Amino acid sequence: ASQAVPGQFVNVFTPDKSKLLPRPISLCGIDAEEGTL
């Protein structure tokens, strides 16, 4: 969150290990002060 900027995305890895590939999801909100996305 401290490094993200509008228009970027993150790769999200699900806890199901059979799903090898992460899911790319764009950033709707960035709060660097709170450390949240």
ModelCIF file with pLDDT and N, C-alpha, C, O atoms, coordinates in Angstrom:
data_MODEL
#
_entry.id   MODEL 
#
_entity.id                         1 
_entity.type                       polymer 
_entity.pdbx_number_of_molecules   1 
#
_entity_poly.entity_id                      1 
_entity_poly.type                           'polypeptide(L)' 
_entity_poly.nstd_linkage                   no 
_entity_poly.nstd_monomer                   no 
_entity_poly.pdbx_seq_one_letter_code       ASQAVPGQFVNVFTPDKSKLLPRPISLCGIDAEEGTL 
_entity_poly.pdbx_seq_one_letter_code_can   ASQAVPGQFVNVFTPDKSKLLPRPISLCGIDAEEGTL 
_entity_poly.pdbx_strand_id                 A 
#
loop_
_entity_poly_seq.entity_id 
_entity_poly_seq.num 
_entity_poly_seq.mon_id 
_entity_poly_seq.hetero 
1 1  ALA n 
1 2  SER n 
1 3  GLN n 
1 4  ALA n 
1 5  VAL n 
1 6  PRO n 
1 7  GLY n 
1 8  GLN n 
1 9  PHE n 
1 10 VAL n 
1 11 ASN n 
1 12 VAL n 
1 13 PHE n 
1 14 THR n 
1 15 PRO n 
1 16 ASP n 
1 17 LYS n 
1 18 SER n 
1 19 LYS n 
1 20 LEU n 
1 21 LEU n 
1 22 PRO n 
1 23 ARG n 
1 24 PRO n 
1 25 ILE n 
1 26 SER n 
1 27 LEU n 
1 28 CYS n 
1 29 GLY n 
1 30 ILE n 
1 31 ASP n 
1 32 ALA n 
1 33 GLU n 
1 34 GLU n 
1 35 GLY n 
1 36 THR n 
1 37 LEU n 
#
_struct_asym.id          A 
_struct_asym.entity_id   1 
#
loop_
_ma_qa_metric.id 
_ma_qa_metric.mode 
_ma_qa_metric.name 
_ma_qa_metric.software_group_id 
_ma_qa_metric.type 
1 global pLDDT . pLDDT 
2 local  pLDDT . pLDDT 
#
_ma_qa_metric_global.metric_id      1 
_ma_qa_metric_global.metric_value   91.41 
_ma_qa_metric_global.model_id       1 
_ma_qa_metric_global.ordinal_id     1 
#
loop_
_ma_qa_metric_local.label_asym_id 
_ma_qa_metric_local.label_comp_id 
_ma_qa_metric_local.label_seq_id 
_ma_qa_metric_local.metric_id 
_ma_qa_metric_local.metric_value 
_ma_qa_metric_local.model_id 
_ma_qa_metric_local.ordinal_id 
A ALA 1  2 98.00 1 1  
A SER 2  2 97.00 1 2  
A GLN 3  2 96.00 1 3  
A ALA 4  2 97.00 1 4  
A VAL 5  2 96.00 1 5  
A PRO 6  2 96.00 1 6  
A GLY 7  2 95.00 1 7  
A GLN 8  2 95.00 1 8  
A PHE 9  2 93.00 1 9  
A VAL 10 2 95.00 1 10 
A ASN 11 2 93.00 1 11 
A VAL 12 2 95.00 1 12 
A PHE 13 2 93.00 1 13 
A THR 14 2 88.00 1 14 
A PRO 15 2 87.00 1 15 
A ASP 16 2 81.00 1 16 
A LYS 17 2 74.00 1 17 
A SER 18 2 70.00 1 18 
A LYS 19 2 72.00 1 19 
A LEU 20 2 67.00 1 20 
A LEU 21 2 77.00 1 21 
A PRO 22 2 86.00 1 22 
A ARG 23 2 89.00 1 23 
A PRO 24 2 90.00 1 24 
A ILE 25 2 93.00 1 25 
A SER 26 2 94.00 1 26 
A LEU 27 2 97.00 1 27 
A CYS 28 2 98.00 1 28 
A GLY 29 2 98.00 1 29 
A ILE 30 2 98.00 1 30 
A ASP 31 2 98.00 1 31 
A ALA 32 2 97.00 1 32 
A GLU 33 2 97.00 1 33 
A GLU 34 2 98.00 1 34 
A GLY 35 2 98.00 1 35 
A THR 36 2 98.00 1 36 
A LEU 37 2 98.00 1 37 
#
loop_
_atom_site.group_PDB 
_atom_site.id 
_atom_site.type_symbol 
_atom_site.label_atom_id 
_atom_site.label_alt_id 
_atom_site.label_comp_id 
_atom_site.label_asym_id 
_atom_site.label_entity_id 
_atom_site.label_seq_id 
_atom_site.pdbx_PDB_ins_code 
_atom_site.Cartn_x 
_atom_site.Cartn_y 
_atom_site.Cartn_z 
_atom_site.occupancy 
_atom_site.B_iso_or_equiv 
_atom_site.pdbx_formal_charge 
_atom_site.auth_seq_id 
_atom_site.auth_comp_id 
_atom_site.auth_asym_id 
_atom_site.auth_atom_id 
_atom_site.pdbx_PDB_model_num 
ATOM 1   N N  . ALA A 1 1  ? 0.820  -1.215  0.000   1.00 98.00 ? 1  ALA A N  1 
ATOM 2   C CA . ALA A 1 1  ? 0.000  0.000   0.000   1.00 98.00 ? 1  ALA A CA 1 
ATOM 3   C C  . ALA A 1 1  ? 0.853  1.264   0.000   1.00 98.00 ? 1  ALA A C  1 
ATOM 4   O O  . ALA A 1 1  ? 0.450  2.283   -0.561  1.00 98.00 ? 1  ALA A O  1 
ATOM 5   N N  . SER A 1 2  ? 2.020  1.207   0.620   1.00 97.00 ? 2  SER A N  1 
ATOM 6   C CA . SER A 1 2  ? 2.882  2.388   0.697   1.00 97.00 ? 2  SER A CA 1 
ATOM 7   C C  . SER A 1 2  ? 3.506  2.744   -0.644  1.00 97.00 ? 2  SER A C  1 
ATOM 8   O O  . SER A 1 2  ? 3.981  3.865   -0.829  1.00 97.00 ? 2  SER A O  1 
ATOM 9   N N  . GLN A 1 3  ? 3.509  1.794   -1.590  1.00 96.00 ? 3  GLN A N  1 
ATOM 10  C CA . GLN A 1 3  ? 4.163  2.022   -2.870  1.00 96.00 ? 3  GLN A CA 1 
ATOM 11  C C  . GLN A 1 3  ? 3.195  2.115   -4.053  1.00 96.00 ? 3  GLN A C  1 
ATOM 12  O O  . GLN A 1 3  ? 3.591  2.521   -5.145  1.00 96.00 ? 3  GLN A O  1 
ATOM 13  N N  . ALA A 1 4  ? 1.943  1.744   -3.844  1.00 97.00 ? 4  ALA A N  1 
ATOM 14  C CA . ALA A 1 4  ? 0.986  1.647   -4.946  1.00 97.00 ? 4  ALA A CA 1 
ATOM 15  C C  . ALA A 1 4  ? 0.519  3.015   -5.420  1.00 97.00 ? 4  ALA A C  1 
ATOM 16  O O  . ALA A 1 4  ? 0.493  3.981   -4.657  1.00 97.00 ? 4  ALA A O  1 
ATOM 17  N N  . VAL A 1 5  ? 0.146  3.077   -6.715  1.00 96.00 ? 5  VAL A N  1 
ATOM 18  C CA . VAL A 1 5  ? -0.390 4.303   -7.312  1.00 96.00 ? 5  VAL A CA 1 
ATOM 19  C C  . VAL A 1 5  ? -1.638 3.942   -8.130  1.00 96.00 ? 5  VAL A C  1 
ATOM 20  O O  . VAL A 1 5  ? -1.809 2.785   -8.514  1.00 96.00 ? 5  VAL A O  1 
ATOM 21  N N  . PRO A 1 6  ? -2.510 4.923   -8.399  1.00 96.00 ? 6  PRO A N  1 
ATOM 22  C CA . PRO A 1 6  ? -3.743 4.648   -9.147  1.00 96.00 ? 6  PRO A CA 1 
ATOM 23  C C  . PRO A 1 6  ? -3.475 4.040   -10.522 1.00 96.00 ? 6  PRO A C  1 
ATOM 24  O O  . PRO A 1 6  ? -2.625 4.522   -11.270 1.00 96.00 ? 6  PRO A O  1 
ATOM 25  N N  . GLY A 1 7  ? -4.204 2.986   -10.842 1.00 95.00 ? 7  GLY A N  1 
ATOM 26  C CA . GLY A 1 7  ? -4.058 2.324   -12.131 1.00 95.00 ? 7  GLY A CA 1 
ATOM 27  C C  . GLY A 1 7  ? -3.265 1.030   -12.070 1.00 95.00 ? 7  GLY A C  1 
ATOM 28  O O  . GLY A 1 7  ? -3.258 0.258   -13.029 1.00 95.00 ? 7  GLY A O  1 
ATOM 29  N N  . GLN A 1 8  ? -2.594 0.787   -10.942 1.00 95.00 ? 8  GLN A N  1 
ATOM 30  C CA . GLN A 1 8  ? -1.847 -0.462  -10.794 1.00 95.00 ? 8  GLN A CA 1 
ATOM 31  C C  . GLN A 1 8  ? -2.770 -1.593  -10.339 1.00 95.00 ? 8  GLN A C  1 
ATOM 32  O O  . GLN A 1 8  ? -3.964 -1.388  -10.120 1.00 95.00 ? 8  GLN A O  1 
ATOM 33  N N  . PHE A 1 9  ? -2.194 -2.793  -10.201 1.00 93.00 ? 9  PHE A N  1 
ATOM 34  C CA . PHE A 1 9  ? -2.959 -3.949  -9.742  1.00 93.00 ? 9  PHE A CA 1 
ATOM 35  C C  . PHE A 1 9  ? -2.092 -4.815  -8.860  1.00 93.00 ? 9  PHE A C  1 
ATOM 36  O O  . PHE A 1 9  ? -0.886 -4.596  -8.742  1.00 93.00 ? 9  PHE A O  1 
ATOM 37  N N  . VAL A 1 10 ? -2.720 -5.806  -8.238  1.00 95.00 ? 10 VAL A N  1 
ATOM 38  C CA . VAL A 1 10 ? -1.977 -6.803  -7.463  1.00 95.00 ? 10 VAL A CA 1 
ATOM 39  C C  . VAL A 1 10 ? -2.367 -8.190  -7.942  1.00 95.00 ? 10 VAL A C  1 
ATOM 40  O O  . VAL A 1 10 ? -3.462 -8.388  -8.467  1.00 95.00 ? 10 VAL A O  1 
ATOM 41  N N  . ASN A 1 11 ? -1.479 -9.138  -7.764  1.00 93.00 ? 11 ASN A N  1 
ATOM 42  C CA . ASN A 1 11 ? -1.788 -10.543 -8.002  1.00 93.00 ? 11 ASN A CA 1 
ATOM 43  C C  . ASN A 1 11 ? -2.185 -11.164 -6.666  1.00 93.00 ? 11 ASN A C  1 
ATOM 44  O O  . ASN A 1 11 ? -1.435 -11.103 -5.692  1.00 93.00 ? 11 ASN A O  1 
ATOM 45  N N  . VAL A 1 12 ? -3.364 -11.757 -6.636  1.00 95.00 ? 12 VAL A N  1 
ATOM 46  C CA . VAL A 1 12 ? -3.892 -12.349 -5.410  1.00 95.00 ? 12 VAL A CA 1 
ATOM 47  C C  . VAL A 1 12 ? -3.824 -13.872 -5.524  1.00 95.00 ? 12 VAL A C  1 
ATOM 48  O O  . VAL A 1 12 ? -4.377 -14.452 -6.458  1.00 95.00 ? 12 VAL A O  1 
ATOM 49  N N  . PHE A 1 13 ? -3.148 -14.515 -4.576  1.00 93.00 ? 13 PHE A N  1 
ATOM 50  C CA . PHE A 1 13 ? -3.036 -15.972 -4.539  1.00 93.00 ? 13 PHE A CA 1 
ATOM 51  C C  . PHE A 1 13 ? -4.103 -16.510 -3.592  1.00 93.00 ? 13 PHE A C  1 
ATOM 52  O O  . PHE A 1 13 ? -4.148 -16.119 -2.426  1.00 93.00 ? 13 PHE A O  1 
ATOM 53  N N  . THR A 1 14 ? -4.960 -17.401 -4.081  1.00 88.00 ? 14 THR A N  1 
ATOM 54  C CA . THR A 1 14 ? -5.994 -17.968 -3.222  1.00 88.00 ? 14 THR A CA 1 
ATOM 55  C C  . THR A 1 14 ? -5.377 -19.047 -2.334  1.00 88.00 ? 14 THR A C  1 
ATOM 56  O O  . THR A 1 14 ? -4.322 -19.591 -2.658  1.00 88.00 ? 14 THR A O  1 
ATOM 57  N N  . PRO A 1 15 ? -6.036 -19.356 -1.210  1.00 87.00 ? 15 PRO A N  1 
ATOM 58  C CA . PRO A 1 15 ? -5.492 -20.404 -0.322  1.00 87.00 ? 15 PRO A CA 1 
ATOM 59  C C  . PRO A 1 15 ? -5.622 -21.811 -0.890  1.00 87.00 ? 15 PRO A C  1 
ATOM 60  O O  . PRO A 1 15 ? -5.038 -22.745 -0.340  1.00 87.00 ? 15 PRO A O  1 
ATOM 61  N N  . ASP A 1 16 ? -6.372 -21.986 -1.974  1.00 81.00 ? 16 ASP A N  1 
ATOM 62  C CA . ASP A 1 16 ? -6.503 -23.290 -2.620  1.00 81.00 ? 16 ASP A CA 1 
ATOM 63  C C  . ASP A 1 16 ? -5.248 -23.549 -3.456  1.00 81.00 ? 16 ASP A C  1 
ATOM 64  O O  . ASP A 1 16 ? -5.063 -22.942 -4.511  1.00 81.00 ? 16 ASP A O  1 
ATOM 65  N N  . LYS A 1 17 ? -4.403 -24.439 -2.987  1.00 74.00 ? 17 LYS A N  1 
ATOM 66  C CA . LYS A 1 17 ? -3.113 -24.688 -3.642  1.00 74.00 ? 17 LYS A CA 1 
ATOM 67  C C  . LYS A 1 17 ? -3.259 -25.335 -5.019  1.00 74.00 ? 17 LYS A C  1 
ATOM 68  O O  . LYS A 1 17 ? -2.295 -25.384 -5.783  1.00 74.00 ? 17 LYS A O  1 
ATOM 69  N N  . SER A 1 18 ? -4.459 -25.833 -5.346  1.00 70.00 ? 18 SER A N  1 
ATOM 70  C CA . SER A 1 18 ? -4.666 -26.388 -6.687  1.00 70.00 ? 18 SER A CA 1 
ATOM 71  C C  . SER A 1 18 ? -4.797 -25.283 -7.726  1.00 70.00 ? 18 SER A C  1 
ATOM 72  O O  . SER A 1 18 ? -4.689 -25.542 -8.924  1.00 70.00 ? 18 SER A O  1 
ATOM 73  N N  . LYS A 1 19 ? -5.030 -24.048 -7.275  1.00 72.00 ? 19 LYS A N  1 
ATOM 74  C CA . LYS A 1 19 ? -5.111 -22.890 -8.164  1.00 72.00 ? 19 LYS A CA 1 
ATOM 75  C C  . LYS A 1 19 ? -3.720 -22.247 -8.200  1.00 72.00 ? 19 LYS A C  1 
ATOM 76  O O  . LYS A 1 19 ? -3.404 -21.369 -7.397  1.00 72.00 ? 19 LYS A O  1 
ATOM 77  N N  . LEU A 1 20 ? -2.904 -22.704 -9.146  1.00 67.00 ? 20 LEU A N  1 
ATOM 78  C CA . LEU A 1 20 ? -1.502 -22.287 -9.157  1.00 67.00 ? 20 LEU A CA 1 
ATOM 79  C C  . LEU A 1 20 ? -1.330 -20.825 -9.537  1.00 67.00 ? 20 LEU A C  1 
ATOM 80  O O  . LEU A 1 20 ? -0.449 -20.146 -9.010  1.00 67.00 ? 20 LEU A O  1 
ATOM 81  N N  . LEU A 1 21 ? -2.167 -20.335 -10.449 1.00 77.00 ? 21 LEU A N  1 
ATOM 82  C CA . LEU A 1 21 ? -1.993 -18.975 -10.939 1.00 77.00 ? 21 LEU A CA 1 
ATOM 83  C C  . LEU A 1 21 ? -2.749 -17.974 -10.066 1.00 77.00 ? 21 LEU A C  1 
ATOM 84  O O  . LEU A 1 21 ? -3.872 -18.246 -9.640  1.00 77.00 ? 21 LEU A O  1 
ATOM 85  N N  . PRO A 1 22 ? -2.142 -16.827 -9.802  1.00 86.00 ? 22 PRO A N  1 
ATOM 86  C CA . PRO A 1 22 ? -2.825 -15.793 -9.028  1.00 86.00 ? 22 PRO A CA 1 
ATOM 87  C C  . PRO A 1 22 ? -3.889 -15.089 -9.862  1.00 86.00 ? 22 PRO A C  1 
ATOM 88  O O  . PRO A 1 22 ? -3.933 -15.231 -11.084 1.00 86.00 ? 22 PRO A O  1 
ATOM 89  N N  . ARG A 1 23 ? -4.743 -14.329 -9.183  1.00 89.00 ? 23 ARG A N  1 
ATOM 90  C CA . ARG A 1 23 ? -5.782 -13.554 -9.861  1.00 89.00 ? 23 ARG A CA 1 
ATOM 91  C C  . ARG A 1 23 ? -5.375 -12.082 -9.858  1.00 89.00 ? 23 ARG A C  1 
ATOM 92  O O  . ARG A 1 23 ? -5.201 -11.498 -8.789  1.00 89.00 ? 23 ARG A O  1 
ATOM 93  N N  . PRO A 1 24 ? -5.220 -11.468 -11.047 1.00 90.00 ? 24 PRO A N  1 
ATOM 94  C CA . PRO A 1 24 ? -4.878 -10.046 -11.085 1.00 90.00 ? 24 PRO A CA 1 
ATOM 95  C C  . PRO A 1 24 ? -6.120 -9.198  -10.817 1.00 90.00 ? 24 PRO A C  1 
ATOM 96  O O  . PRO A 1 24 ? -7.136 -9.355  -11.494 1.00 90.00 ? 24 PRO A O  1 
ATOM 97  N N  . ILE A 1 25 ? -6.042 -8.306  -9.838  1.00 93.00 ? 25 ILE A N  1 
ATOM 98  C CA . ILE A 1 25 ? -7.170 -7.454  -9.478  1.00 93.00 ? 25 ILE A CA 1 
ATOM 99  C C  . ILE A 1 25 ? -6.674 -6.009  -9.337  1.00 93.00 ? 25 ILE A C  1 
ATOM 100 O O  . ILE A 1 25 ? -5.692 -5.743  -8.644  1.00 93.00 ? 25 ILE A O  1 
ATOM 101 N N  . SER A 1 26 ? -7.364 -5.093  -10.000 1.00 94.00 ? 26 SER A N  1 
ATOM 102 C CA . SER A 1 26 ? -6.969 -3.689  -9.983  1.00 94.00 ? 26 SER A CA 1 
ATOM 103 C C  . SER A 1 26 ? -7.244 -3.050  -8.631  1.00 94.00 ? 26 SER A C  1 
ATOM 104 O O  . SER A 1 26 ? -8.051 -3.548  -7.845  1.00 94.00 ? 26 SER A O  1 
ATOM 105 N N  . LEU A 1 27 ? -6.575 -1.958  -8.376  1.00 97.00 ? 27 LEU A N  1 
ATOM 106 C CA . LEU A 1 27 ? -6.690 -1.268  -7.091  1.00 97.00 ? 27 LEU A CA 1 
ATOM 107 C C  . LEU A 1 27 ? -7.810 -0.235  -7.159  1.00 97.00 ? 27 LEU A C  1 
ATOM 108 O O  . LEU A 1 27 ? -7.754 0.715   -7.940  1.00 97.00 ? 27 LEU A O  1 
ATOM 109 N N  . CYS A 1 28 ? -8.821 -0.438  -6.332  1.00 98.00 ? 28 CYS A N  1 
ATOM 110 C CA . CYS A 1 28 ? -9.920 0.521   -6.252  1.00 98.00 ? 28 CYS A CA 1 
ATOM 111 C C  . CYS A 1 28 ? -9.595 1.622   -5.250  1.00 98.00 ? 28 CYS A C  1 
ATOM 112 O O  . CYS A 1 28 ? -9.975 2.777   -5.441  1.00 98.00 ? 28 CYS A O  1 
ATOM 113 N N  . GLY A 1 29 ? -8.897 1.264   -4.196  1.00 98.00 ? 29 GLY A N  1 
ATOM 114 C CA . GLY A 1 29 ? -8.531 2.242   -3.180  1.00 98.00 ? 29 GLY A CA 1 
ATOM 115 C C  . GLY A 1 29 ? -7.167 1.957   -2.604  1.00 98.00 ? 29 GLY A C  1 
ATOM 116 O O  . GLY A 1 29 ? -6.766 0.803   -2.459  1.00 98.00 ? 29 GLY A O  1 
ATOM 117 N N  . ILE A 1 30 ? -6.447 3.032   -2.272  1.00 98.00 ? 30 ILE A N  1 
ATOM 118 C CA . ILE A 1 30 ? -5.110 2.930   -1.682  1.00 98.00 ? 30 ILE A CA 1 
ATOM 119 C C  . ILE A 1 30 ? -5.061 3.862   -0.479  1.00 98.00 ? 30 ILE A C  1 
ATOM 120 O O  . ILE A 1 30 ? -5.299 5.062   -0.617  1.00 98.00 ? 30 ILE A O  1 
ATOM 121 N N  . ASP A 1 31 ? -4.759 3.328   0.694   1.00 98.00 ? 31 ASP A N  1 
ATOM 122 C CA . ASP A 1 31 ? -4.598 4.150   1.893   1.00 98.00 ? 31 ASP A CA 1 
ATOM 123 C C  . ASP A 1 31 ? -3.233 3.830   2.486   1.00 98.00 ? 31 ASP A C  1 
ATOM 124 O O  . ASP A 1 31 ? -3.079 2.907   3.286   1.00 98.00 ? 31 ASP A O  1 
ATOM 125 N N  . ALA A 1 32 ? -2.242 4.623   2.068   1.00 97.00 ? 32 ALA A N  1 
ATOM 126 C CA . ALA A 1 32 ? -0.875 4.372   2.517   1.00 97.00 ? 32 ALA A CA 1 
ATOM 127 C C  . ALA A 1 32 ? -0.739 4.591   4.018   1.00 97.00 ? 32 ALA A C  1 
ATOM 128 O O  . ALA A 1 32 ? 0.041  3.906   4.679   1.00 97.00 ? 32 ALA A O  1 
ATOM 129 N N  . GLU A 1 33 ? -1.495 5.544   4.557   1.00 97.00 ? 33 GLU A N  1 
ATOM 130 C CA . GLU A 1 33 ? -1.408 5.839   5.992   1.00 97.00 ? 33 GLU A CA 1 
ATOM 131 C C  . GLU A 1 33 ? -1.916 4.670   6.831   1.00 97.00 ? 33 GLU A C  1 
ATOM 132 O O  . GLU A 1 33 ? -1.309 4.307   7.838   1.00 97.00 ? 33 GLU A O  1 
ATOM 133 N N  . GLU A 1 34 ? -3.039 4.082   6.403   1.00 98.00 ? 34 GLU A N  1 
ATOM 134 C CA . GLU A 1 34 ? -3.605 2.937   7.126   1.00 98.00 ? 34 GLU A CA 1 
ATOM 135 C C  . GLU A 1 34 ? -2.957 1.617   6.696   1.00 98.00 ? 34 GLU A C  1 
ATOM 136 O O  . GLU A 1 34 ? -3.110 0.593   7.362   1.00 98.00 ? 34 GLU A O  1 
ATOM 137 N N  . GLY A 1 35 ? -2.238 1.656   5.583   1.00 98.00 ? 35 GLY A N  1 
ATOM 138 C CA . GLY A 1 35 ? -1.596 0.441   5.084   1.00 98.00 ? 35 GLY A CA 1 
ATOM 139 C C  . GLY A 1 35 ? -2.570 -0.544  4.481   1.00 98.00 ? 35 GLY A C  1 
ATOM 140 O O  . GLY A 1 35 ? -2.392 -1.757  4.596   1.00 98.00 ? 35 GLY A O  1 
ATOM 141 N N  . THR A 1 36 ? -3.626 -0.010  3.821   1.00 98.00 ? 36 THR A N  1 
ATOM 142 C CA . THR A 1 36 ? -4.649 -0.895  3.259   1.00 98.00 ? 36 THR A CA 1 
ATOM 143 C C  . THR A 1 36 ? -4.857 -0.663  1.760   1.00 98.00 ? 36 THR A C  1 
ATOM 144 O O  . THR A 1 36 ? -4.590 0.415   1.228   1.00 98.00 ? 36 THR A O  1 
ATOM 145 N N  . LEU A 1 37 ? -5.338 -1.709  1.109   1.00 98.00 ? 37 LEU A N  1 
ATOM 146 C CA . LEU A 1 37 ? -5.773 -1.645  -0.281  1.00 98.00 ? 37 LEU A CA 1 
ATOM 147 C C  . LEU A 1 37 ? -7.233 -2.077  -0.342  1.00 98.00 ? 37 LEU A C  1 
ATOM 148 O O  . LEU A 1 37 ? -7.825 -2.104  -1.421  1.00 98.00 ? 37 LEU A O  1 
#
